[in-house]
Structures are given as structure tokens and as C-alpha cells.
């Protein structure tokens, strides 16, 4: 549990989550996009799949 707490409080993890949030909101702004899987794919392509090792 301590490792999870440390991860959640790390600046790099917070920045990663903020970038994902910003990019997802930007994609949702286009009202013609309705496929959530497509949005998830675009976000993952832009930022990369979640990789826990990048936050250690």
C-alpha cells in the first residue's frame, strides 16, 4: 500500500494523469466522436500505454 501511495503522490504520475485528462477532454470537445475505444487508442498512441516502471 505504501508503494501505491508513493506512486499516487509522485509529480511524474500526477503529470501523466493530467496529460491524459487534457488530451481526452480535447478529443471529447469534438462532438462527432462517440467511440470511447477510439479515444482511448488516440490517447495511448500520444502518451503511450501506462507503464508503472516509468514512475519508479
Protein backbone atom coordinates (compact mmCIF):
# COMPACT_ATOMS: atom_id res chain seq x y z
CA UNK A 1 0.00 0.00 0.00
CA UNK A 2 2.87 2.37 0.71
CA UNK A 3 4.19 1.93 -2.83
CA UNK A 4 0.77 2.81 -4.26
CA UNK A 5 0.57 5.87 -2.03
CA UNK A 6 4.04 7.00 -3.12
CA UNK A 7 3.10 6.50 -6.78
CA UNK A 8 -0.13 8.46 -6.43
CA UNK A 9 1.72 11.35 -4.78
CA UNK A 10 4.61 11.50 -7.27
CA UNK A 11 4.80 14.53 -9.54
CA UNK A 12 5.53 12.41 -12.61
CA UNK A 13 2.39 10.32 -12.08
CA UNK A 14 0.27 13.43 -11.49
CA UNK A 15 1.68 14.98 -14.69
CA UNK A 16 0.95 11.79 -16.64
CA UNK A 17 -2.65 11.74 -15.42
CA UNK A 18 -3.08 15.43 -16.20
CA UNK A 19 -1.77 14.96 -19.75
CA UNK A 20 -4.18 12.04 -20.28
CA UNK A 21 -7.06 14.12 -18.90
CA UNK A 22 -6.22 17.14 -21.06
CA UNK A 23 -5.88 15.09 -24.22
CA UNK A 24 -9.11 13.17 -23.55
CA UNK A 25 -11.02 16.40 -22.91
CA UNK A 26 -9.63 17.83 -26.15
CA UNK A 27 -10.87 14.78 -28.06
CA UNK A 28 -14.28 14.90 -26.35
CA UNK A 29 -14.64 18.52 -27.46
CA UNK A 30 -15.21 17.14 -30.97
CA UNK A 31 -18.88 16.19 -30.63
CA UNK A 32 -18.71 13.94 -33.69
CA UNK A 33 -16.53 11.41 -31.84
CA UNK A 34 -18.65 8.88 -29.96
CA UNK A 35 -16.39 5.82 -29.84
CA UNK A 36 -14.69 5.64 -26.44
CA UNK A 37 -12.31 2.94 -27.64
CA UNK A 38 -11.11 5.23 -30.42
CA UNK A 39 -10.42 7.99 -27.89
CA UNK A 40 -8.56 5.57 -25.62
CA UNK A 41 -6.46 4.41 -28.58
CA UNK A 42 -5.59 8.00 -29.58
CA UNK A 43 -4.60 8.90 -26.01
CA UNK A 44 -2.47 5.77 -25.67
CA UNK A 45 -0.80 6.44 -29.01
CA UNK A 46 0.00 10.02 -27.98
CA UNK A 47 1.21 9.29 -24.45
CA UNK A 48 2.00 5.59 -24.51
CA UNK A 49 0.37 2.78 -22.60
CA UNK A 50 0.52 3.07 -18.82
CA UNK A 51 3.87 1.67 -17.70
CA UNK A 52 4.45 1.53 -13.96
CA UNK A 53 8.25 1.37 -14.40
CA UNK A 54 8.33 4.92 -15.78
CA UNK A 55 7.26 6.23 -12.36
CA UNK A 56 9.82 4.39 -10.22
